[in-house]
Amino acid sequence: VIPKKHIASLDDVREEDKELLGYIMFKI
């Protein structure tokens, strides 16, 4: 499962990615 937005790794997650990561966990 990948975001369509390019984020290289967990180390590259930014504040604005919180909603996207929550969405991924919800969809899994």
mmCIF file of all heavy atoms, coordinates in Angstrom:
data_MODEL
# 
_entry.id   MODEL 
# 
loop_
_atom_site.group_PDB 
_atom_site.id 
_atom_site.type_symbol 
_atom_site.label_atom_id 
_atom_site.label_alt_id 
_atom_site.label_comp_id 
_atom_site.label_asym_id 
_atom_site.label_entity_id 
_atom_site.label_seq_id 
_atom_site.pdbx_PDB_ins_code 
_atom_site.Cartn_x 
_atom_site.Cartn_y 
_atom_site.Cartn_z 
_atom_site.occupancy 
_atom_site.B_iso_or_equiv 
_atom_site.pdbx_formal_charge 
_atom_site.auth_seq_id 
_atom_site.auth_comp_id 
_atom_site.auth_asym_id 
_atom_site.auth_atom_id 
_atom_site.pdbx_PDB_model_num 
ATOM 1   N N   . VAL A 1 1  ? 0.872   -1.175 0.000  1.00 0.00 ? 1  VAL A N   1 
ATOM 2   C CA  . VAL A 1 1  ? 0.000   0.000  0.000  1.00 0.00 ? 1  VAL A CA  1 
ATOM 3   C C   . VAL A 1 1  ? 0.904   1.218  0.000  1.00 0.00 ? 1  VAL A C   1 
ATOM 4   O O   . VAL A 1 1  ? 1.759   1.363  0.878  1.00 0.00 ? 1  VAL A O   1 
ATOM 5   C CB  . VAL A 1 1  ? -0.929  0.023  1.229  1.00 0.00 ? 1  VAL A CB  1 
ATOM 6   C CG1 . VAL A 1 1  ? -1.832  1.251  1.192  1.00 0.00 ? 1  VAL A CG1 1 
ATOM 7   C CG2 . VAL A 1 1  ? -1.743  -1.262 1.321  1.00 0.00 ? 1  VAL A CG2 1 
ATOM 8   N N   . ILE A 1 2  ? 0.723   2.093  -0.990 1.00 0.00 ? 2  ILE A N   1 
ATOM 9   C CA  . ILE A 1 2  ? 1.570   3.282  -1.098 1.00 0.00 ? 2  ILE A CA  1 
ATOM 10  C C   . ILE A 1 2  ? 0.707   4.533  -1.280 1.00 0.00 ? 2  ILE A C   1 
ATOM 11  O O   . ILE A 1 2  ? -0.363  4.474  -1.869 1.00 0.00 ? 2  ILE A O   1 
ATOM 12  C CB  . ILE A 1 2  ? 2.569   3.186  -2.278 1.00 0.00 ? 2  ILE A CB  1 
ATOM 13  C CG1 . ILE A 1 2  ? 1.841   3.199  -3.636 1.00 0.00 ? 2  ILE A CG1 1 
ATOM 14  C CG2 . ILE A 1 2  ? 3.446   1.950  -2.148 1.00 0.00 ? 2  ILE A CG2 1 
ATOM 15  C CD1 . ILE A 1 2  ? 2.766   3.397  -4.827 1.00 0.00 ? 2  ILE A CD1 1 
ATOM 16  N N   . PRO A 1 3  ? 1.203   5.655  -0.772 1.00 0.00 ? 3  PRO A N   1 
ATOM 17  C CA  . PRO A 1 3  ? 0.540   6.913  -1.114 1.00 0.00 ? 3  PRO A CA  1 
ATOM 18  C C   . PRO A 1 3  ? 0.902   7.294  -2.542 1.00 0.00 ? 3  PRO A C   1 
ATOM 19  O O   . PRO A 1 3  ? 2.008   6.990  -3.008 1.00 0.00 ? 3  PRO A O   1 
ATOM 20  C CB  . PRO A 1 3  ? 1.135   7.907  -0.111 1.00 0.00 ? 3  PRO A CB  1 
ATOM 21  C CG  . PRO A 1 3  ? 2.488   7.351  0.219  1.00 0.00 ? 3  PRO A CG  1 
ATOM 22  C CD  . PRO A 1 3  ? 2.354   5.857  0.119  1.00 0.00 ? 3  PRO A CD  1 
ATOM 23  N N   . LYS A 1 4  ? -0.007  7.909  -3.244 1.00 0.00 ? 4  LYS A N   1 
ATOM 24  C CA  . LYS A 1 4  ? 0.316   8.387  -4.590 1.00 0.00 ? 4  LYS A CA  1 
ATOM 25  C C   . LYS A 1 4  ? 1.280   9.570  -4.527 1.00 0.00 ? 4  LYS A C   1 
ATOM 26  O O   . LYS A 1 4  ? 2.061   9.777  -5.449 1.00 0.00 ? 4  LYS A O   1 
ATOM 27  C CB  . LYS A 1 4  ? -0.960  8.748  -5.349 1.00 0.00 ? 4  LYS A CB  1 
ATOM 28  C CG  . LYS A 1 4  ? -1.756  7.503  -5.714 1.00 0.00 ? 4  LYS A CG  1 
ATOM 29  C CD  . LYS A 1 4  ? -2.933  7.821  -6.587 1.00 0.00 ? 4  LYS A CD  1 
ATOM 30  C CE  . LYS A 1 4  ? -3.598  6.534  -7.058 1.00 0.00 ? 4  LYS A CE  1 
ATOM 31  N NZ  . LYS A 1 4  ? -4.753  6.820  -7.921 1.00 0.00 ? 4  LYS A NZ  1 
ATOM 32  N N   . LYS A 1 5  ? 1.258   10.288 -3.436 1.00 0.00 ? 5  LYS A N   1 
ATOM 33  C CA  . LYS A 1 5  ? 2.229   11.364 -3.215 1.00 0.00 ? 5  LYS A CA  1 
ATOM 34  C C   . LYS A 1 5  ? 3.574   10.716 -2.898 1.00 0.00 ? 5  LYS A C   1 
ATOM 35  O O   . LYS A 1 5  ? 3.651   9.801  -2.077 1.00 0.00 ? 5  LYS A O   1 
ATOM 36  C CB  . LYS A 1 5  ? 1.779   12.231 -2.040 1.00 0.00 ? 5  LYS A CB  1 
ATOM 37  C CG  . LYS A 1 5  ? 2.782   13.286 -1.633 1.00 0.00 ? 5  LYS A CG  1 
ATOM 38  C CD  . LYS A 1 5  ? 2.347   14.027 -0.378 1.00 0.00 ? 5  LYS A CD  1 
ATOM 39  C CE  . LYS A 1 5  ? 3.399   15.050 0.027  1.00 0.00 ? 5  LYS A CE  1 
ATOM 40  N NZ  . LYS A 1 5  ? 3.028   15.747 1.266  1.00 0.00 ? 5  LYS A NZ  1 
ATOM 41  N N   . HIS A 1 6  ? 4.631   11.189 -3.520 1.00 0.00 ? 6  HIS A N   1 
ATOM 42  C CA  . HIS A 1 6  ? 5.945   10.638 -3.227 1.00 0.00 ? 6  HIS A CA  1 
ATOM 43  C C   . HIS A 1 6  ? 6.438   11.131 -1.871 1.00 0.00 ? 6  HIS A C   1 
ATOM 44  O O   . HIS A 1 6  ? 6.612   12.323 -1.647 1.00 0.00 ? 6  HIS A O   1 
ATOM 45  C CB  . HIS A 1 6  ? 6.976   11.004 -4.296 1.00 0.00 ? 6  HIS A CB  1 
ATOM 46  C CG  . HIS A 1 6  ? 8.312   10.387 -4.019 1.00 0.00 ? 6  HIS A CG  1 
ATOM 47  N ND1 . HIS A 1 6  ? 8.610   9.100  -4.381 1.00 0.00 ? 6  HIS A ND1 1 
ATOM 48  C CD2 . HIS A 1 6  ? 9.391   10.858 -3.364 1.00 0.00 ? 6  HIS A CD2 1 
ATOM 49  C CE1 . HIS A 1 6  ? 9.833   8.809  -3.969 1.00 0.00 ? 6  HIS A CE1 1 
ATOM 50  N NE2 . HIS A 1 6  ? 10.334  9.861  -3.352 1.00 0.00 ? 6  HIS A NE2 1 
ATOM 51  N N   . ILE A 1 7  ? 6.610   10.175 -0.960 1.00 0.00 ? 7  ILE A N   1 
ATOM 52  C CA  . ILE A 1 7  ? 7.258   10.397 0.333  1.00 0.00 ? 7  ILE A CA  1 
ATOM 53  C C   . ILE A 1 7  ? 8.301   9.291  0.410  1.00 0.00 ? 7  ILE A C   1 
ATOM 54  O O   . ILE A 1 7  ? 7.963   8.111  0.304  1.00 0.00 ? 7  ILE A O   1 
ATOM 55  C CB  . ILE A 1 7  ? 6.261   10.287 1.505  1.00 0.00 ? 7  ILE A CB  1 
ATOM 56  C CG1 . ILE A 1 7  ? 5.109   11.278 1.346  1.00 0.00 ? 7  ILE A CG1 1 
ATOM 57  C CG2 . ILE A 1 7  ? 6.976   10.482 2.836  1.00 0.00 ? 7  ILE A CG2 1 
ATOM 58  C CD1 . ILE A 1 7  ? 3.966   11.077 2.328  1.00 0.00 ? 7  ILE A CD1 1 
ATOM 59  N N   . ALA A 1 8  ? 9.555   9.637  0.563  1.00 0.00 ? 8  ALA A N   1 
ATOM 60  C CA  . ALA A 1 8  ? 10.625  8.644  0.455  1.00 0.00 ? 8  ALA A CA  1 
ATOM 61  C C   . ALA A 1 8  ? 10.598  7.599  1.573  1.00 0.00 ? 8  ALA A C   1 
ATOM 62  O O   . ALA A 1 8  ? 10.844  6.424  1.318  1.00 0.00 ? 8  ALA A O   1 
ATOM 63  C CB  . ALA A 1 8  ? 11.987  9.334  0.418  1.00 0.00 ? 8  ALA A CB  1 
ATOM 64  N N   . SER A 1 9  ? 10.290  8.004  2.800  1.00 0.00 ? 9  SER A N   1 
ATOM 65  C CA  . SER A 1 9  ? 10.306  7.068  3.925  1.00 0.00 ? 9  SER A CA  1 
ATOM 66  C C   . SER A 1 9  ? 9.562   7.697  5.094  1.00 0.00 ? 9  SER A C   1 
ATOM 67  O O   . SER A 1 9  ? 9.151   8.861  5.039  1.00 0.00 ? 9  SER A O   1 
ATOM 68  C CB  . SER A 1 9  ? 11.745  6.751  4.338  1.00 0.00 ? 9  SER A CB  1 
ATOM 69  O OG  . SER A 1 9  ? 12.328  7.865  4.989  1.00 0.00 ? 9  SER A OG  1 
ATOM 70  N N   . LEU A 1 10 ? 9.432   6.945  6.169  1.00 0.00 ? 10 LEU A N   1 
ATOM 71  C CA  . LEU A 1 10 ? 8.826   7.506  7.374  1.00 0.00 ? 10 LEU A CA  1 
ATOM 72  C C   . LEU A 1 10 ? 9.608   8.700  7.893  1.00 0.00 ? 10 LEU A C   1 
ATOM 73  O O   . LEU A 1 10 ? 9.039   9.614  8.485  1.00 0.00 ? 10 LEU A O   1 
ATOM 74  C CB  . LEU A 1 10 ? 8.711   6.431  8.461  1.00 0.00 ? 10 LEU A CB  1 
ATOM 75  C CG  . LEU A 1 10 ? 7.605   5.406  8.243  1.00 0.00 ? 10 LEU A CG  1 
ATOM 76  C CD1 . LEU A 1 10 ? 7.732   4.256  9.241  1.00 0.00 ? 10 LEU A CD1 1 
ATOM 77  C CD2 . LEU A 1 10 ? 6.234   6.041  8.336  1.00 0.00 ? 10 LEU A CD2 1 
ATOM 78  N N   . ASP A 1 11 ? 10.917  8.708  7.660  1.00 0.00 ? 11 ASP A N   1 
ATOM 79  C CA  . ASP A 1 11 ? 11.742  9.837  8.084  1.00 0.00 ? 11 ASP A CA  1 
ATOM 80  C C   . ASP A 1 11 ? 11.424  11.119 7.311  1.00 0.00 ? 11 ASP A C   1 
ATOM 81  O O   . ASP A 1 11 ? 11.820  12.203 7.729  1.00 0.00 ? 11 ASP A O   1 
ATOM 82  C CB  . ASP A 1 11 ? 13.228  9.523  7.926  1.00 0.00 ? 11 ASP A CB  1 
ATOM 83  C CG  . ASP A 1 11 ? 13.721  8.520  8.944  1.00 0.00 ? 11 ASP A CG  1 
ATOM 84  O OD1 . ASP A 1 11 ? 13.063  8.350  9.997  1.00 0.00 ? 11 ASP A OD1 1 
ATOM 85  O OD2 . ASP A 1 11 ? 14.775  7.902  8.703  1.00 0.00 ? 11 ASP A OD2 1 
ATOM 86  N N   . ASP A 1 12 ? 10.739  10.995 6.192  1.00 0.00 ? 12 ASP A N   1 
ATOM 87  C CA  . ASP A 1 12 ? 10.425  12.143 5.346  1.00 0.00 ? 12 ASP A CA  1 
ATOM 88  C C   . ASP A 1 12 ? 8.979   12.620 5.492  1.00 0.00 ? 12 ASP A C   1 
ATOM 89  O O   . ASP A 1 12 ? 8.556   13.527 4.779  1.00 0.00 ? 12 ASP A O   1 
ATOM 90  C CB  . ASP A 1 12 ? 10.728  11.799 3.888  1.00 0.00 ? 12 ASP A CB  1 
ATOM 91  C CG  . ASP A 1 12 ? 12.196  11.515 3.684  1.00 0.00 ? 12 ASP A CG  1 
ATOM 92  O OD1 . ASP A 1 12 ? 13.000  12.450 3.821  1.00 0.00 ? 12 ASP A OD1 1 
ATOM 93  O OD2 . ASP A 1 12 ? 12.545  10.348 3.420  1.00 0.00 ? 12 ASP A OD2 1 
ATOM 94  N N   . VAL A 1 13 ? 8.232   12.019 6.399  1.00 0.00 ? 13 VAL A N   1 
ATOM 95  C CA  . VAL A 1 13 ? 6.860   12.441 6.646  1.00 0.00 ? 13 VAL A CA  1 
ATOM 96  C C   . VAL A 1 13 ? 6.883   13.826 7.287  1.00 0.00 ? 13 VAL A C   1 
ATOM 97  O O   . VAL A 1 13 ? 7.698   14.104 8.169  1.00 0.00 ? 13 VAL A O   1 
ATOM 98  C CB  . VAL A 1 13 ? 6.146   11.423 7.568  1.00 0.00 ? 13 VAL A CB  1 
ATOM 99  C CG1 . VAL A 1 13 ? 4.801   11.945 8.023  1.00 0.00 ? 13 VAL A CG1 1 
ATOM 100 C CG2 . VAL A 1 13 ? 5.984   10.085 6.860  1.00 0.00 ? 13 VAL A CG2 1 
ATOM 101 N N   . ARG A 1 14 ? 6.006   14.686 6.822  1.00 0.00 ? 14 ARG A N   1 
ATOM 102 C CA  . ARG A 1 14 ? 5.911   16.053 7.327  1.00 0.00 ? 14 ARG A CA  1 
ATOM 103 C C   . ARG A 1 14 ? 4.557   16.271 8.005  1.00 0.00 ? 14 ARG A C   1 
ATOM 104 O O   . ARG A 1 14 ? 3.640   15.478 7.855  1.00 0.00 ? 14 ARG A O   1 
ATOM 105 C CB  . ARG A 1 14 ? 6.078   17.067 6.177  1.00 0.00 ? 14 ARG A CB  1 
ATOM 106 C CG  . ARG A 1 14 ? 7.410   16.942 5.447  1.00 0.00 ? 14 ARG A CG  1 
ATOM 107 C CD  . ARG A 1 14 ? 8.547   17.379 6.363  1.00 0.00 ? 14 ARG A CD  1 
ATOM 108 N NE  . ARG A 1 14 ? 9.842   17.119 5.761  1.00 0.00 ? 14 ARG A NE  1 
ATOM 109 C CZ  . ARG A 1 14 ? 10.738  16.260 6.229  1.00 0.00 ? 14 ARG A CZ  1 
ATOM 110 N NH1 . ARG A 1 14 ? 10.479  15.543 7.292  1.00 0.00 ? 14 ARG A NH1 1 
ATOM 111 N NH2 . ARG A 1 14 ? 11.903  16.090 5.642  1.00 0.00 ? 14 ARG A NH2 1 
ATOM 112 N N   . GLU A 1 15 ? 4.448   17.358 8.708  1.00 0.00 ? 15 GLU A N   1 
ATOM 113 C CA  . GLU A 1 15 ? 3.208   17.709 9.402  1.00 0.00 ? 15 GLU A CA  1 
ATOM 114 C C   . GLU A 1 15 ? 1.995   17.621 8.466  1.00 0.00 ? 15 GLU A C   1 
ATOM 115 O O   . GLU A 1 15 ? 0.947   17.109 8.851  1.00 0.00 ? 15 GLU A O   1 
ATOM 116 C CB  . GLU A 1 15 ? 3.340   19.132 9.976  1.00 0.00 ? 15 GLU A CB  1 
ATOM 117 C CG  . GLU A 1 15 ? 2.138   19.622 10.730 1.00 0.00 ? 15 GLU A CG  1 
ATOM 118 C CD  . GLU A 1 15 ? 2.046   19.110 12.159 1.00 0.00 ? 15 GLU A CD  1 
ATOM 119 O OE1 . GLU A 1 15 ? 3.080   18.675 12.702 1.00 0.00 ? 15 GLU A OE1 1 
ATOM 120 O OE2 . GLU A 1 15 ? 0.939   19.141 12.713 1.00 0.00 ? 15 GLU A OE2 1 
ATOM 121 N N   . GLU A 1 16 ? 2.155   18.084 7.245  1.00 0.00 ? 16 GLU A N   1 
ATOM 122 C CA  . GLU A 1 16 ? 1.023   18.082 6.308  1.00 0.00 ? 16 GLU A CA  1 
ATOM 123 C C   . GLU A 1 16 ? 0.652   16.681 5.817  1.00 0.00 ? 16 GLU A C   1 
ATOM 124 O O   . GLU A 1 16 ? -0.372  16.508 5.164  1.00 0.00 ? 16 GLU A O   1 
ATOM 125 C CB  . GLU A 1 16 ? 1.303   18.999 5.108  1.00 0.00 ? 16 GLU A CB  1 
ATOM 126 C CG  . GLU A 1 16 ? 2.457   18.559 4.224  1.00 0.00 ? 16 GLU A CG  1 
ATOM 127 C CD  . GLU A 1 16 ? 3.795   19.180 4.573  1.00 0.00 ? 16 GLU A CD  1 
ATOM 128 O OE1 . GLU A 1 16 ? 3.957   19.758 5.661  1.00 0.00 ? 16 GLU A OE1 1 
ATOM 129 O OE2 . GLU A 1 16 ? 4.694   19.079 3.721  1.00 0.00 ? 16 GLU A OE2 1 
ATOM 130 N N   . ASP A 1 17 ? 1.449   15.669 6.160  1.00 0.00 ? 17 ASP A N   1 
ATOM 131 C CA  . ASP A 1 17 ? 1.167   14.285 5.740  1.00 0.00 ? 17 ASP A CA  1 
ATOM 132 C C   . ASP A 1 17 ? 0.381   13.500 6.788  1.00 0.00 ? 17 ASP A C   1 
ATOM 133 O O   . ASP A 1 17 ? 0.023   12.347 6.538  1.00 0.00 ? 17 ASP A O   1 
ATOM 134 C CB  . ASP A 1 17 ? 2.483   13.551 5.441  1.00 0.00 ? 17 ASP A CB  1 
ATOM 135 C CG  . ASP A 1 17 ? 3.266   14.200 4.319  1.00 0.00 ? 17 ASP A CG  1 
ATOM 136 O OD1 . ASP A 1 17 ? 2.646   14.639 3.331  1.00 0.00 ? 17 ASP A OD1 1 
ATOM 137 O OD2 . ASP A 1 17 ? 4.508   14.266 4.436  1.00 0.00 ? 17 ASP A OD2 1 
ATOM 138 N N   . LYS A 1 18 ? 0.101   14.094 7.950  1.00 0.00 ? 18 LYS A N   1 
ATOM 139 C CA  . LYS A 1 18 ? -0.585  13.365 9.025  1.00 0.00 ? 18 LYS A CA  1 
ATOM 140 C C   . LYS A 1 18 ? -1.921  12.796 8.572  1.00 0.00 ? 18 LYS A C   1 
ATOM 141 O O   . LYS A 1 18 ? -2.223  11.637 8.850  1.00 0.00 ? 18 LYS A O   1 
ATOM 142 C CB  . LYS A 1 18 ? -0.817  14.271 10.240 1.00 0.00 ? 18 LYS A CB  1 
ATOM 143 C CG  . LYS A 1 18 ? 0.416   14.571 11.028 1.00 0.00 ? 18 LYS A CG  1 
ATOM 144 C CD  . LYS A 1 18 ? 0.149   15.252 12.352 1.00 0.00 ? 18 LYS A CD  1 
ATOM 145 C CE  . LYS A 1 18 ? -0.849  16.362 12.299 1.00 0.00 ? 18 LYS A CE  1 
ATOM 146 N NZ  . LYS A 1 18 ? -0.971  17.097 13.573 1.00 0.00 ? 18 LYS A NZ  1 
ATOM 147 N N   . GLU A 1 19 ? -2.710  13.584 7.879  1.00 0.00 ? 19 GLU A N   1 
ATOM 148 C CA  . GLU A 1 19 ? -4.019  13.114 7.439  1.00 0.00 ? 19 GLU A CA  1 
ATOM 149 C C   . GLU A 1 19 ? -3.878  11.962 6.441  1.00 0.00 ? 19 GLU A C   1 
ATOM 150 O O   . GLU A 1 19 ? -4.611  10.974 6.517  1.00 0.00 ? 19 GLU A O   1 
ATOM 151 C CB  . GLU A 1 19 ? -4.810  14.264 6.808  1.00 0.00 ? 19 GLU A CB  1 
ATOM 152 C CG  . GLU A 1 19 ? -6.222  13.866 6.434  1.00 0.00 ? 19 GLU A CG  1 
ATOM 153 C CD  . GLU A 1 19 ? -7.024  15.035 5.899  1.00 0.00 ? 19 GLU A CD  1 
ATOM 154 O OE1 . GLU A 1 19 ? -6.909  16.150 6.446  1.00 0.00 ? 19 GLU A OE1 1 
ATOM 155 O OE2 . GLU A 1 19 ? -7.762  14.819 4.926  1.00 0.00 ? 19 GLU A OE2 1 
ATOM 156 N N   . LEU A 1 20 ? -2.919  12.065 5.529  1.00 0.00 ? 20 LEU A N   1 
ATOM 157 C CA  . LEU A 1 20 ? -2.690  11.006 4.548  1.00 0.00 ? 20 LEU A CA  1 
ATOM 158 C C   . LEU A 1 20 ? -2.275  9.705  5.232  1.00 0.00 ? 20 LEU A C   1 
ATOM 159 O O   . LEU A 1 20 ? -2.779  8.633  4.900  1.00 0.00 ? 20 LEU A O   1 
ATOM 160 C CB  . LEU A 1 20 ? -1.629  11.440 3.533  1.00 0.00 ? 20 LEU A CB  1 
ATOM 161 C CG  . LEU A 1 20 ? -1.213  10.408 2.488  1.00 0.00 ? 20 LEU A CG  1 
ATOM 162 C CD1 . LEU A 1 20 ? -2.399  9.933  1.652  1.00 0.00 ? 20 LEU A CD1 1 
ATOM 163 C CD2 . LEU A 1 20 ? -0.099  10.971 1.609  1.00 0.00 ? 20 LEU A CD2 1 
ATOM 164 N N   . LEU A 1 21 ? -1.379  9.777  6.210  1.00 0.00 ? 21 LEU A N   1 
ATOM 165 C CA  . LEU A 1 21 ? -0.957  8.562  6.906  1.00 0.00 ? 21 LEU A CA  1 
ATOM 166 C C   . LEU A 1 21 ? -2.096  7.944  7.710  1.00 0.00 ? 21 LEU A C   1 
ATOM 167 O O   . LEU A 1 21 ? -2.243  6.718  7.734  1.00 0.00 ? 21 LEU A O   1 
ATOM 168 C CB  . LEU A 1 21 ? 0.257   8.833  7.793  1.00 0.00 ? 21 LEU A CB  1 
ATOM 169 C CG  . LEU A 1 21 ? 1.575   8.511  7.107  1.00 0.00 ? 21 LEU A CG  1 
ATOM 170 C CD1 . LEU A 1 21 ? 1.812   9.334  5.877  1.00 0.00 ? 21 LEU A CD1 1 
ATOM 171 C CD2 . LEU A 1 21 ? 2.709   8.577  8.064  1.00 0.00 ? 21 LEU A CD2 1 
ATOM 172 N N   . GLY A 1 22 ? -2.893  8.768  8.329  1.00 0.00 ? 22 GLY A N   1 
ATOM 173 C CA  . GLY A 1 22 ? -4.077  8.256  9.025  1.00 0.00 ? 22 GLY A CA  1 
ATOM 174 C C   . GLY A 1 22 ? -5.033  7.588  8.055  1.00 0.00 ? 22 GLY A C   1 
ATOM 175 O O   . GLY A 1 22 ? -5.605  6.533  8.351  1.00 0.00 ? 22 GLY A O   1 
ATOM 176 N N   . TYR A 1 23 ? -5.189  8.172  6.887  1.00 0.00 ? 23 TYR A N   1 
ATOM 177 C CA  . TYR A 1 23 ? -6.054  7.602  5.861  1.00 0.00 ? 23 TYR A CA  1 
ATOM 178 C C   . TYR A 1 23 ? -5.538  6.226  5.423  1.00 0.00 ? 23 TYR A C   1 
ATOM 179 O O   . TYR A 1 23 ? -6.306  5.281  5.286  1.00 0.00 ? 23 TYR A O   1 
ATOM 180 C CB  . TYR A 1 23 ? -6.119  8.565  4.665  1.00 0.00 ? 23 TYR A CB  1 
ATOM 181 C CG  . TYR A 1 23 ? -7.003  8.077  3.552  1.00 0.00 ? 23 TYR A CG  1 
ATOM 182 C CD1 . TYR A 1 23 ? -8.385  8.195  3.645  1.00 0.00 ? 23 TYR A CD1 1 
ATOM 183 C CD2 . TYR A 1 23 ? -6.467  7.495  2.416  1.00 0.00 ? 23 TYR A CD2 1 
ATOM 184 C CE1 . TYR A 1 23 ? -9.205  7.743  2.616  1.00 0.00 ? 23 TYR A CE1 1 
ATOM 185 C CE2 . TYR A 1 23 ? -7.271  7.040  1.394  1.00 0.00 ? 23 TYR A CE2 1 
ATOM 186 C CZ  . TYR A 1 23 ? -8.643  7.165  1.504  1.00 0.00 ? 23 TYR A CZ  1 
ATOM 187 O OH  . TYR A 1 23 ? -9.447  6.705  0.501  1.00 0.00 ? 23 TYR A OH  1 
ATOM 188 N N   . ILE A 1 24 ? -4.228  6.119  5.215  1.00 0.00 ? 24 ILE A N   1 
ATOM 189 C CA  . ILE A 1 24 ? -3.640  4.839  4.818  1.00 0.00 ? 24 ILE A CA  1 
ATOM 190 C C   . ILE A 1 24 ? -3.933  3.784  5.882  1.00 0.00 ? 24 ILE A C   1 
ATOM 191 O O   . ILE A 1 24 ? -4.372  2.674  5.564  1.00 0.00 ? 24 ILE A O   1 
ATOM 192 C CB  . ILE A 1 24 ? -2.125  4.979  4.575  1.00 0.00 ? 24 ILE A CB  1 
ATOM 193 C CG1 . ILE A 1 24 ? -1.862  5.831  3.328  1.00 0.00 ? 24 ILE A CG1 1 
ATOM 194 C CG2 . ILE A 1 24 ? -1.466  3.608  4.438  1.00 0.00 ? 24 ILE A CG2 1 
ATOM 195 C CD1 . ILE A 1 24 ? -0.407  6.249  3.158  1.00 0.00 ? 24 ILE A CD1 1 
ATOM 196 N N   . MET A 1 25 ? -3.688  4.105  7.145  1.00 0.00 ? 25 MET A N   1 
ATOM 197 C CA  . MET A 1 25 ? -3.937  3.139  8.215  1.00 0.00 ? 25 MET A CA  1 
ATOM 198 C C   . MET A 1 25 ? -5.404  2.743  8.267  1.00 0.00 ? 25 MET A C   1 
ATOM 199 O O   . MET A 1 25 ? -5.735  1.577  8.476  1.00 0.00 ? 25 MET A O   1 
ATOM 200 C CB  . MET A 1 25 ? -3.511  3.713  9.572  1.00 0.00 ? 25 MET A CB  1 
ATOM 201 C CG  . MET A 1 25 ? -2.014  3.911  9.727  1.00 0.00 ? 25 MET A CG  1 
ATOM 202 S SD  . MET A 1 25 ? -1.096  2.355  9.704  1.00 0.00 ? 25 MET A SD  1 
ATOM 203 C CE  . MET A 1 25 ? -0.326  2.452  8.110  1.00 0.00 ? 25 MET A CE  1 
ATOM 204 N N   . PHE A 1 26 ? -6.296  3.695  8.057  1.00 0.00 ? 26 PHE A N   1 
ATOM 205 C CA  . PHE A 1 26 ? -7.724  3.408  8.039  1.00 0.00 ? 26 PHE A CA  1 
ATOM 206 C C   . PHE A 1 26 ? -8.083  2.470  6.887  1.00 0.00 ? 26 PHE A C   1 
ATOM 207 O O   . PHE A 1 26 ? -8.858  1.528  7.056  1.00 0.00 ? 26 PHE A O   1 
ATOM 208 C CB  . PHE A 1 26 ? -8.515  4.719  7.928  1.00 0.00 ? 26 PHE A CB  1 
ATOM 209 C CG  . PHE A 1 26 ? -9.989  4.505  7.813  1.00 0.00 ? 26 PHE A CG  1 
ATOM 210 C CD1 . PHE A 1 26 ? -10.741 4.162  8.927  1.00 0.00 ? 26 PHE A CD1 1 
ATOM 211 C CD2 . PHE A 1 26 ? -10.628 4.636  6.589  1.00 0.00 ? 26 PHE A CD2 1 
ATOM 212 C CE1 . PHE A 1 26 ? -12.110 3.949  8.821  1.00 0.00 ? 26 PHE A CE1 1 
ATOM 213 C CE2 . PHE A 1 26 ? -11.993 4.429  6.479  1.00 0.00 ? 26 PHE A CE2 1 
ATOM 214 C CZ  . PHE A 1 26 ? -12.739 4.087  7.594  1.00 0.00 ? 26 PHE A CZ  1 
ATOM 215 N N   . LYS A 1 27 ? -7.504  2.702  5.711  1.00 0.00 ? 27 LYS A N   1 
ATOM 216 C CA  . LYS A 1 27 ? -7.837  1.899  4.536  1.00 0.00 ? 27 LYS A CA  1 
ATOM 217 C C   . LYS A 1 27 ? -7.223  0.503  4.579  1.00 0.00 ? 27 LYS A C   1 
ATOM 218 O O   . LYS A 1 27 ? -7.758  -0.425 3.983  1.00 0.00 ? 27 LYS A O   1 
ATOM 219 C CB  . LYS A 1 27 ? -7.411  2.609  3.245  1.00 0.00 ? 27 LYS A CB  1 
ATOM 220 C CG  . LYS A 1 27 ? -8.148  3.890  2.954  1.00 0.00 ? 27 LYS A CG  1 
ATOM 221 C CD  . LYS A 1 27 ? -9.648  3.719  2.922  1.00 0.00 ? 27 LYS A CD  1 
ATOM 222 C CE  . LYS A 1 27 ? -10.144 3.166  1.611  1.00 0.00 ? 27 LYS A CE  1 
ATOM 223 N NZ  . LYS A 1 27 ? -11.616 3.186  1.489  1.00 0.00 ? 27 LYS A NZ  1 
ATOM 224 N N   . ILE A 1 28 ? -6.109  0.322  5.283  1.00 0.00 ? 28 ILE A N   1 
ATOM 225 C CA  . ILE A 1 28 ? -5.460  -0.990 5.323  1.00 0.00 ? 28 ILE A CA  1 
ATOM 226 C C   . ILE A 1 28 ? -6.415  -2.057 5.841  1.00 0.00 ? 28 ILE A C   1 
ATOM 227 O O   . ILE A 1 28 ? -6.475  -3.152 5.275  1.00 0.00 ? 28 ILE A O   1 
ATOM 228 C CB  . ILE A 1 28 ? -4.147  -0.938 6.128  1.00 0.00 ? 28 ILE A CB  1 
ATOM 229 C CG1 . ILE A 1 28 ? -3.041  -0.310 5.252  1.00 0.00 ? 28 ILE A CG1 1 
ATOM 230 C CG2 . ILE A 1 28 ? -3.728  -2.323 6.609  1.00 0.00 ? 28 ILE A CG2 1 
ATOM 231 C CD1 . ILE A 1 28 ? -1.721  -0.086 5.951  1.00 0.00 ? 28 ILE A CD1 1 
# 
